[in-house]
Amino acid sequence: MVAEMAKRDMSSVLPKYKINKVIGRYHSGLEHTFLWILDAEDPHLIQQFAIDGGMAKFNEVKIVPLMTFEDVVRESGKVD
């Protein structure tokens, strides 16, 4: 199944899930976990992408919204 996923051209489906870019893809075989780094707009659509694409069938899917450290520093300066 992973080999079939690797053959797919995902560029045409990424806009459907509001995924701007796939930055990196990693896998931990011992943990049965994919770690994909995505530039995306909606974590709920990422979840649907994992389900529709088949990744959620045999691996853990954990979605963690992140921001850069620089953005955190910039945002912290806005606090009163």
N, C-alpha and C. Protein backbone atom coordinates (compact mmCIF):
# COMPACT_ATOMS: atom_id res chain seq x y z
N MET A 1 0.82 -1.20 0.00
CA MET A 1 0.00 0.00 0.00
C MET A 1 0.87 1.27 0.00
N VAL A 2 1.96 1.23 0.74
CA VAL A 2 2.86 2.39 0.77
C VAL A 2 3.47 2.62 -0.61
N ALA A 3 3.85 1.54 -1.29
CA ALA A 3 4.42 1.67 -2.64
C ALA A 3 3.41 2.29 -3.59
N GLU A 4 2.15 1.92 -3.47
CA GLU A 4 1.10 2.51 -4.31
C GLU A 4 0.92 4.00 -4.00
N MET A 5 0.99 4.35 -2.73
CA MET A 5 0.87 5.76 -2.33
C MET A 5 2.02 6.57 -2.93
N ALA A 6 3.21 5.99 -2.95
CA ALA A 6 4.38 6.70 -3.46
C ALA A 6 4.27 6.99 -4.95
N LYS A 7 3.54 6.16 -5.68
CA LYS A 7 3.39 6.34 -7.12
C LYS A 7 2.39 7.44 -7.48
N ARG A 8 1.53 7.79 -6.55
CA ARG A 8 0.48 8.77 -6.84
C ARG A 8 1.04 10.17 -6.98
N ASP A 9 0.51 10.88 -7.95
CA ASP A 9 0.80 12.31 -8.09
C ASP A 9 -0.25 13.06 -7.28
N MET A 10 0.14 13.57 -6.14
CA MET A 10 -0.81 14.21 -5.23
C MET A 10 -1.07 15.67 -5.58
N SER A 11 -0.31 16.23 -6.50
CA SER A 11 -0.43 17.66 -6.77
C SER A 11 -1.83 18.08 -7.20
N SER A 12 -2.55 17.19 -7.86
CA SER A 12 -3.90 17.56 -8.31
C SER A 12 -4.94 17.51 -7.19
N VAL A 13 -4.68 16.74 -6.13
CA VAL A 13 -5.66 16.64 -5.04
C VAL A 13 -5.36 17.57 -3.87
N LEU A 14 -4.15 18.07 -3.76
CA LEU A 14 -3.79 18.92 -2.63
C LEU A 14 -4.69 20.15 -2.49
N PRO A 15 -5.03 20.84 -3.57
CA PRO A 15 -5.92 22.01 -3.42
C PRO A 15 -7.28 21.66 -2.81
N LYS A 16 -7.79 20.48 -3.09
CA LYS A 16 -9.08 20.06 -2.52
C LYS A 16 -9.05 20.09 -1.00
N TYR A 17 -7.89 19.81 -0.41
CA TYR A 17 -7.73 19.75 1.04
C TYR A 17 -7.04 21.01 1.59
N LYS A 18 -6.93 22.03 0.76
CA LYS A 18 -6.28 23.30 1.12
C LYS A 18 -4.87 23.09 1.65
N ILE A 19 -4.16 22.15 1.02
CA ILE A 19 -2.76 21.91 1.33
C ILE A 19 -1.94 22.65 0.29
N ASN A 20 -1.18 23.63 0.76
CA ASN A 20 -0.39 24.46 -0.15
C ASN A 20 0.88 23.76 -0.62
N LYS A 21 1.48 22.97 0.28
CA LYS A 21 2.76 22.35 -0.05
C LYS A 21 3.05 21.19 0.90
N VAL A 22 3.61 20.12 0.36
CA VAL A 22 4.14 19.03 1.17
C VAL A 22 5.62 19.35 1.37
N ILE A 23 5.99 19.67 2.60
CA ILE A 23 7.36 20.08 2.90
C ILE A 23 8.27 18.88 3.10
N GLY A 24 7.76 17.85 3.76
CA GLY A 24 8.55 16.64 4.00
C GLY A 24 7.66 15.48 4.38
N ARG A 25 8.14 14.25 4.08
CA ARG A 25 7.39 13.04 4.44
C ARG A 25 8.35 12.05 5.09
N TYR A 26 7.96 11.57 6.26
CA TYR A 26 8.78 10.62 7.02
C TYR A 26 7.88 9.50 7.53
N HIS A 27 8.49 8.39 7.91
CA HIS A 27 7.71 7.27 8.44
C HIS A 27 8.53 6.55 9.50
N SER A 28 7.89 6.22 10.61
CA SER A 28 8.48 5.39 11.64
C SER A 28 7.82 4.02 11.57
N GLY A 29 8.54 3.06 11.02
CA GLY A 29 7.99 1.71 10.89
C GLY A 29 7.71 1.06 12.23
N LEU A 30 8.57 1.33 13.21
CA LEU A 30 8.39 0.72 14.53
C LEU A 30 7.14 1.24 15.23
N GLU A 31 6.79 2.47 14.94
CA GLU A 31 5.61 3.07 15.58
C GLU A 31 4.39 3.07 14.66
N HIS A 32 4.56 2.62 13.42
CA HIS A 32 3.48 2.67 12.43
C HIS A 32 2.90 4.07 12.35
N THR A 33 3.79 5.03 12.21
CA THR A 33 3.39 6.43 12.21
C THR A 33 4.02 7.17 11.05
N PHE A 34 3.19 7.88 10.30
CA PHE A 34 3.69 8.80 9.30
C PHE A 34 3.88 10.16 9.95
N LEU A 35 4.93 10.85 9.58
CA LEU A 35 5.13 12.23 9.98
C LEU A 35 5.31 13.02 8.69
N TRP A 36 4.29 13.75 8.35
CA TRP A 36 4.33 14.58 7.16
C TRP A 36 4.27 16.03 7.63
N ILE A 37 5.09 16.85 7.04
CA ILE A 37 5.09 18.27 7.34
C ILE A 37 4.43 18.96 6.16
N LEU A 38 3.30 19.61 6.44
CA LEU A 38 2.50 20.23 5.40
C LEU A 38 2.30 21.72 5.67
N ASP A 39 2.27 22.50 4.63
CA ASP A 39 1.82 23.88 4.71
C ASP A 39 0.36 23.82 4.29
N ALA A 40 -0.54 23.96 5.25
CA ALA A 40 -1.97 23.77 4.98
C ALA A 40 -2.79 24.77 5.77
N GLU A 41 -4.05 24.89 5.38
CA GLU A 41 -4.92 25.89 5.97
C GLU A 41 -5.90 25.36 7.01
N ASP A 42 -6.19 24.04 7.00
CA ASP A 42 -7.25 23.52 7.85
C ASP A 42 -6.91 22.11 8.34
N PRO A 43 -6.69 21.93 9.64
CA PRO A 43 -6.33 20.61 10.14
C PRO A 43 -7.42 19.56 9.91
N HIS A 44 -8.67 19.98 9.85
CA HIS A 44 -9.75 19.02 9.61
C HIS A 44 -9.67 18.47 8.19
N LEU A 45 -9.25 19.30 7.25
CA LEU A 45 -9.07 18.82 5.89
C LEU A 45 -7.85 17.92 5.76
N ILE A 46 -6.83 18.15 6.58
CA ILE A 46 -5.68 17.25 6.60
C ILE A 46 -6.13 15.87 7.07
N GLN A 47 -6.97 15.84 8.08
CA GLN A 47 -7.51 14.56 8.56
C GLN A 47 -8.25 13.84 7.43
N GLN A 48 -9.07 14.56 6.70
CA GLN A 48 -9.82 13.95 5.60
C GLN A 48 -8.87 13.47 4.50
N PHE A 49 -7.81 14.22 4.25
CA PHE A 49 -6.79 13.84 3.27
C PHE A 49 -6.15 12.50 3.67
N ALA A 50 -5.85 12.34 4.95
CA ALA A 50 -5.24 11.09 5.43
C ALA A 50 -6.22 9.92 5.31
N ILE A 51 -7.48 10.18 5.55
CA ILE A 51 -8.49 9.12 5.43
C ILE A 51 -8.70 8.76 3.96
N ASP A 52 -8.94 9.77 3.14
CA ASP A 52 -9.21 9.53 1.72
C ASP A 52 -8.01 8.91 1.01
N GLY A 53 -6.81 9.30 1.41
CA GLY A 53 -5.60 8.78 0.77
C GLY A 53 -5.18 7.41 1.24
N GLY A 54 -5.81 6.90 2.29
CA GLY A 54 -5.52 5.56 2.78
C GLY A 54 -4.49 5.48 3.88
N MET A 55 -3.82 6.58 4.21
CA MET A 55 -2.79 6.54 5.25
C MET A 55 -3.34 6.19 6.61
N ALA A 56 -4.57 6.60 6.87
CA ALA A 56 -5.17 6.38 8.19
C ALA A 56 -5.62 4.94 8.38
N LYS A 57 -5.61 4.14 7.33
CA LYS A 57 -6.06 2.75 7.44
C LYS A 57 -5.10 1.88 8.23
N PHE A 58 -3.81 2.19 8.14
CA PHE A 58 -2.84 1.29 8.76
C PHE A 58 -1.75 2.01 9.55
N ASN A 59 -1.94 3.30 9.80
CA ASN A 59 -0.98 4.07 10.57
C ASN A 59 -1.71 5.05 11.46
N GLU A 60 -1.04 5.45 12.53
CA GLU A 60 -1.59 6.48 13.39
C GLU A 60 -1.54 7.82 12.66
N VAL A 61 -2.58 8.61 12.82
CA VAL A 61 -2.60 9.96 12.26
C VAL A 61 -2.80 10.93 13.42
N LYS A 62 -1.83 11.77 13.61
CA LYS A 62 -1.90 12.79 14.66
C LYS A 62 -1.58 14.12 14.00
N ILE A 63 -2.49 15.05 14.08
CA ILE A 63 -2.32 16.34 13.44
C ILE A 63 -1.98 17.37 14.50
N VAL A 64 -0.84 18.01 14.32
CA VAL A 64 -0.35 18.99 15.30
C VAL A 64 -0.11 20.31 14.59
N PRO A 65 -1.02 21.27 14.75
CA PRO A 65 -0.79 22.59 14.14
C PRO A 65 0.42 23.25 14.79
N LEU A 66 1.30 23.78 13.96
CA LEU A 66 2.53 24.40 14.44
C LEU A 66 2.72 25.76 13.81
N MET A 67 3.54 26.56 14.47
CA MET A 67 4.00 27.81 13.89
C MET A 67 5.49 27.93 14.18
N THR A 68 6.17 28.75 13.42
CA THR A 68 7.60 28.90 13.63
C THR A 68 7.88 29.60 14.96
N PHE A 69 9.06 29.39 15.48
CA PHE A 69 9.46 30.05 16.71
C PHE A 69 9.43 31.57 16.54
N GLU A 70 9.86 32.03 15.36
CA GLU A 70 9.85 33.47 15.08
C GLU A 70 8.43 34.03 15.14
N ASP A 71 7.47 33.28 14.63
CA ASP A 71 6.08 33.74 14.71
C ASP A 71 5.58 33.78 16.15
N VAL A 72 6.01 32.82 16.95
CA VAL A 72 5.63 32.83 18.37
C VAL A 72 6.17 34.08 19.06
N VAL A 73 7.43 34.39 18.80
CA VAL A 73 8.03 35.59 19.39
C VAL A 73 7.29 36.83 18.93
N ARG A 74 7.00 36.89 17.65
CA ARG A 74 6.28 38.05 17.10
C ARG A 74 4.90 38.18 17.72
N GLU A 75 4.18 37.06 17.84
CA GLU A 75 2.84 37.08 18.44
C GLU A 75 2.88 37.43 19.92
N SER A 76 3.92 36.99 20.63
CA SER A 76 4.01 37.27 22.07
C SER A 76 4.19 38.76 22.34
N GLY A 77 4.73 39.49 21.39
CA GLY A 77 4.90 40.93 21.53
C GLY A 77 3.58 41.68 21.44
N LYS A 78 2.54 41.01 20.97
CA LYS A 78 1.23 41.65 20.83
C LYS A 78 0.39 41.56 22.09
N VAL A 79 0.86 40.81 23.09
CA VAL A 79 0.11 40.64 24.33
C VAL A 79 0.25 41.90 25.17
N ASP A 80 -0.88 42.34 25.76
CA ASP A 80 -0.86 43.55 26.61
C ASP A 80 -0.19 43.28 27.92
